[in-house]
Amino acid sequence: MIVGIGFMIHGWAKISRGTAGFEKLLMQIGVPLPHLSAIVTPYVELIGGFAILIGLFTKFITVPLVIIMLVAMLSVQVHYGFSAVNTIGLTAQGPVFGPPGYEINLLYIACLVSLFLTGAGALCVDKLIENKRKTSQ
């Protein structure tokens, strides 16, 4: 469930701020088709995250979400190393953190692969649909 919520939060953050800023970021890092990607990615994250949360079309939606994680990891986070928490300094006010590495991307990918291989579980919408089909046959 937390994977779905995480994707929904990230997708909504991009949508609520407007996708133009996200498009500029994608242009700067050289992502192909930045305009299309800036429009599609947040909605795939938001809708896909909701689908993961309720367990609907789980095996289908994991594929584009893994692709999004791989693109983010290989185009942005890989430059900052592995650790999700990069301490770059210490001030009198406390630690100063730099950009996160690719650790979180790998965790999301691992969760998505697990969902792809095993399905979402007994209480998911996919299972309810499957059980309904079995009883109507």
C-alpha atoms as a PDB file:
ATOM      1  CA  MET A   1       0.000   0.000   0.000  1.00  0.00           C
ATOM      2  CA  ILE A   2       2.815   2.414   0.809  1.00  0.00           C
ATOM      3  CA  VAL A   3       4.215   1.997  -2.715  1.00  0.00           C
ATOM      4  CA  GLY A   4       0.897   3.142  -4.145  1.00  0.00           C
ATOM      5  CA  ILE A   5       0.688   6.068  -1.747  1.00  0.00           C
ATOM      6  CA  GLY A   6       4.278   7.054  -2.527  1.00  0.00           C
ATOM      7  CA  PHE A   7       3.619   7.157  -6.264  1.00  0.00           C
ATOM      8  CA  MET A   8       0.393   9.094  -5.741  1.00  0.00           C
ATOM      9  CA  ILE A   9       2.176  11.726  -3.638  1.00  0.00           C
ATOM     10  CA  HIS A  10       4.962  12.148  -6.203  1.00  0.00           C
ATOM     11  CA  GLY A  11       2.504  12.327  -9.100  1.00  0.00           C
ATOM     12  CA  TRP A  12       0.260  14.828  -7.325  1.00  0.00           C
ATOM     13  CA  ALA A  13       3.255  17.021  -6.409  1.00  0.00           C
ATOM     14  CA  LYS A  14       4.143  17.345 -10.107  1.00  0.00           C
ATOM     15  CA  ILE A  15       0.545  17.986 -11.177  1.00  0.00           C
ATOM     16  CA  SER A  16      -0.332  20.456  -8.397  1.00  0.00           C
ATOM     17  CA  ARG A  17       2.699  22.636  -9.163  1.00  0.00           C
ATOM     18  CA  GLY A  18       2.057  22.483 -12.893  1.00  0.00           C
ATOM     19  CA  THR A  19       3.958  20.242 -15.241  1.00  0.00           C
ATOM     20  CA  ALA A  20       5.941  23.081 -16.858  1.00  0.00           C
ATOM     21  CA  GLY A  21       8.600  23.039 -14.134  1.00  0.00           C
ATOM     22  CA  PHE A  22       8.906  19.283 -14.418  1.00  0.00           C
ATOM     23  CA  GLU A  23       9.242  19.661 -18.191  1.00  0.00           C
ATOM     24  CA  LYS A  24      12.153  22.101 -17.718  1.00  0.00           C
ATOM     25  CA  LEU A  25      13.869  19.614 -15.419  1.00  0.00           C
ATOM     26  CA  LEU A  26      13.421  16.844 -18.006  1.00  0.00           C
ATOM     27  CA  MET A  27      14.823  19.095 -20.743  1.00  0.00           C
ATOM     28  CA  GLN A  28      17.882  19.931 -18.636  1.00  0.00           C
ATOM     29  CA  ILE A  29      18.735  16.299 -18.010  1.00  0.00           C
ATOM     30  CA  GLY A  30      18.138  15.295 -21.632  1.00  0.00           C
ATOM     31  CA  VAL A  31      15.067  13.068 -21.290  1.00  0.00           C
ATOM     32  CA  PRO A  32      13.619  12.396 -24.757  1.00  0.00           C
ATOM     33  CA  LEU A  33      10.224  14.013 -25.488  1.00  0.00           C
ATOM     34  CA  PRO A  34      10.279  16.163 -22.339  1.00  0.00           C
ATOM     35  CA  HIS A  35       6.887  17.806 -23.001  1.00  0.00           C
ATOM     36  CA  LEU A  36       5.097  14.476 -23.437  1.00  0.00           C
ATOM     37  CA  SER A  37       7.006  12.902 -20.543  1.00  0.00           C
ATOM     38  CA  ALA A  38       6.145  15.832 -18.256  1.00  0.00           C
ATOM     39  CA  ILE A  39       2.459  15.328 -18.971  1.00  0.00           C
ATOM     40  CA  VAL A  40       2.327  11.519 -18.959  1.00  0.00           C
ATOM     41  CA  THR A  41       4.652  10.702 -16.044  1.00  0.00           C
ATOM     42  CA  PRO A  42       2.757  12.486 -13.238  1.00  0.00           C
ATOM     43  CA  TYR A  43      -0.564  10.969 -14.296  1.00  0.00           C
ATOM     44  CA  VAL A  44       0.947   7.488 -14.567  1.00  0.00           C
ATOM     45  CA  GLU A  45       2.344   7.986 -11.059  1.00  0.00           C
ATOM     46  CA  LEU A  46      -0.952   9.281  -9.668  1.00  0.00           C
ATOM     47  CA  ILE A  47      -3.313   6.835 -11.375  1.00  0.00           C
ATOM     48  CA  GLY A  48      -0.830   3.961 -11.228  1.00  0.00           C
ATOM     49  CA  GLY A  49      -0.207   4.634  -7.552  1.00  0.00           C
ATOM     50  CA  PHE A  50      -3.934   4.505  -6.873  1.00  0.00           C
ATOM     51  CA  ALA A  51      -4.210   1.256  -8.855  1.00  0.00           C
ATOM     52  CA  ILE A  52      -1.370  -0.239  -6.788  1.00  0.00           C
ATOM     53  CA  LEU A  53      -3.004   1.012  -3.574  1.00  0.00           C
ATOM     54  CA  ILE A  54      -6.291  -0.782  -4.278  1.00  0.00           C
ATOM     55  CA  GLY A  55      -4.730  -3.691  -6.175  1.00  0.00           C
ATOM     56  CA  LEU A  56      -6.292  -3.028  -9.578  1.00  0.00           C
ATOM     57  CA  PHE A  57      -4.496  -4.134 -12.777  1.00  0.00           C
ATOM     58  CA  THR A  58      -1.451  -4.671 -10.579  1.00  0.00           C
ATOM     59  CA  LYS A  59       0.670  -6.679 -13.004  1.00  0.00           C
ATOM     60  CA  PHE A  60      -0.080  -4.256 -15.839  1.00  0.00           C
ATOM     61  CA  ILE A  61       0.636  -1.004 -14.001  1.00  0.00           C
ATOM     62  CA  THR A  62       3.912  -2.155 -12.436  1.00  0.00           C
ATOM     63  CA  VAL A  63       5.662  -2.080 -15.834  1.00  0.00           C
ATOM     64  CA  PRO A  64       5.323   1.674 -16.569  1.00  0.00           C
ATOM     65  CA  LEU A  65       6.057   2.482 -12.937  1.00  0.00           C
ATOM     66  CA  VAL A  66       9.308   0.481 -13.072  1.00  0.00           C
ATOM     67  CA  ILE A  67      10.237   2.337 -16.268  1.00  0.00           C
ATOM     68  CA  ILE A  68       9.613   5.683 -14.551  1.00  0.00           C
ATOM     69  CA  MET A  69      11.811   4.617 -11.629  1.00  0.00           C
ATOM     70  CA  LEU A  70      14.591   3.450 -13.949  1.00  0.00           C
ATOM     71  CA  VAL A  71      14.565   6.703 -15.935  1.00  0.00           C
ATOM     72  CA  ALA A  72      14.626   8.769 -12.734  1.00  0.00           C
ATOM     73  CA  MET A  73      17.388   6.630 -11.269  1.00  0.00           C
ATOM     74  CA  LEU A  74      19.594   6.616 -14.367  1.00  0.00           C
ATOM     75  CA  SER A  75      19.078  10.271 -15.298  1.00  0.00           C
ATOM     76  CA  VAL A  76      19.065  11.972 -11.884  1.00  0.00           C
ATOM     77  CA  GLN A  77      19.817   9.953  -8.755  1.00  0.00           C
ATOM     78  CA  VAL A  78      22.732   7.892 -10.126  1.00  0.00           C
ATOM     79  CA  HIS A  79      24.875  11.046 -10.063  1.00  0.00           C
ATOM     80  CA  TYR A  80      24.502  11.297  -6.278  1.00  0.00           C
ATOM     81  CA  GLY A  81      25.559   7.778  -5.341  1.00  0.00           C
ATOM     82  CA  PHE A  82      23.635   5.026  -3.585  1.00  0.00           C
ATOM     83  CA  SER A  83      22.529   6.498  -0.257  1.00  0.00           C
ATOM     84  CA  ALA A  84      19.083   8.050   0.043  1.00  0.00           C
ATOM     85  CA  VAL A  85      20.475  10.328   2.762  1.00  0.00           C
ATOM     86  CA  ASN A  86      23.562  12.255   1.684  1.00  0.00           C
ATOM     87  CA  THR A  87      24.983  14.376   4.470  1.00  0.00           C
ATOM     88  CA  ILE A  88      27.133  17.039   2.826  1.00  0.00           C
ATOM     89  CA  GLY A  89      27.897  19.204   5.818  1.00  0.00           C
ATOM     90  CA  LEU A  90      27.268  20.068   9.412  1.00  0.00           C
ATOM     91  CA  THR A  91      26.309  23.514  10.674  1.00  0.00           C
ATOM     92  CA  ALA A  92      25.421  24.904  14.084  1.00  0.00           C
ATOM     93  CA  GLN A  93      21.766  24.400  13.077  1.00  0.00           C
ATOM     94  CA  GLY A  94      22.345  20.730  12.237  1.00  0.00           C
ATOM     95  CA  PRO A  95      23.258  18.559   9.268  1.00  0.00           C
ATOM     96  CA  VAL A  96      22.991  19.743   5.670  1.00  0.00           C
ATOM     97  CA  PHE A  97      21.621  17.166   3.256  1.00  0.00           C
ATOM     98  CA  GLY A  98      22.342  16.897  -0.432  1.00  0.00           C
ATOM     99  CA  PRO A  99      20.286  15.302  -3.187  1.00  0.00           C
ATOM    100  CA  PRO A 100      19.257  11.684  -2.601  1.00  0.00           C
ATOM    101  CA  GLY A 101      20.939   8.793  -4.372  1.00  0.00           C
ATOM    102  CA  TYR A 102      19.291   5.852  -6.091  1.00  0.00           C
ATOM    103  CA  GLU A 103      18.606   3.705  -3.005  1.00  0.00           C
ATOM    104  CA  ILE A 104      14.894   4.616  -2.860  1.00  0.00           C
ATOM    105  CA  ASN A 105      14.477   3.952  -6.581  1.00  0.00           C
ATOM    106  CA  LEU A 106      15.813   0.438  -6.087  1.00  0.00           C
ATOM    107  CA  LEU A 107      13.448  -0.144  -3.174  1.00  0.00           C
ATOM    108  CA  TYR A 108      10.460   0.978  -5.248  1.00  0.00           C
ATOM    109  CA  ILE A 109      11.600  -1.211  -8.157  1.00  0.00           C
ATOM    110  CA  ALA A 110      12.003  -4.222  -5.848  1.00  0.00           C
ATOM    111  CA  CYS A 111       8.474  -3.705  -4.481  1.00  0.00           C
ATOM    112  CA  LEU A 112       7.035  -3.333  -7.985  1.00  0.00           C
ATOM    113  CA  VAL A 113       8.806  -6.481  -9.214  1.00  0.00           C
ATOM    114  CA  SER A 114       7.453  -8.359  -6.208  1.00  0.00           C
ATOM    115  CA  LEU A 115       3.918  -7.150  -6.998  1.00  0.00           C
ATOM    116  CA  PHE A 116       4.372  -8.139 -10.633  1.00  0.00           C
ATOM    117  CA  LEU A 117       5.516 -11.644  -9.711  1.00  0.00           C
ATOM    118  CA  THR A 118       3.109 -12.355  -6.852  1.00  0.00           C
ATOM    119  CA  GLY A 119       0.127 -10.074  -7.426  1.00  0.00           C
ATOM    120  CA  ALA A 120      -1.332  -7.653  -4.909  1.00  0.00           C
ATOM    121  CA  GLY A 121      -2.780 -10.156  -2.450  1.00  0.00           C
ATOM    122  CA  ALA A 122      -6.054 -11.575  -1.223  1.00  0.00           C
ATOM    123  CA  LEU A 123      -7.793  -8.281  -0.412  1.00  0.00           C
ATOM    124  CA  CYS A 124      -7.113  -6.514  -3.707  1.00  0.00           C
ATOM    125  CA  VAL A 125      -9.593  -5.555  -6.432  1.00  0.00           C
ATOM    126  CA  ASP A 126      -7.827  -7.882  -8.890  1.00  0.00           C
ATOM    127  CA  LYS A 127      -8.616 -10.835  -6.588  1.00  0.00           C
ATOM    128  CA  LEU A 128     -12.245  -9.761  -6.197  1.00  0.00           C
ATOM    129  CA  ILE A 129     -12.636  -9.607  -9.988  1.00  0.00           C
ATOM    130  CA  GLU A 130     -10.948 -13.001 -10.371  1.00  0.00           C
ATOM    131  CA  ASN A 131     -13.214 -14.579  -7.712  1.00  0.00           C
ATOM    132  CA  LYS A 132     -16.312 -13.075  -9.320  1.00  0.00           C
ATOM    133  CA  ARG A 133     -15.329 -14.534 -12.699  1.00  0.00           C
ATOM    134  CA  LYS A 134     -14.785 -17.964 -11.148  1.00  0.00           C
ATOM    135  CA  THR A 135     -18.195 -17.969  -9.451  1.00  0.00           C
ATOM    136  CA  SER A 136     -20.020 -16.786 -12.576  1.00  0.00           C
ATOM    137  CA  GLN A 137     -18.596 -19.591 -14.738  1.00  0.00           C
END
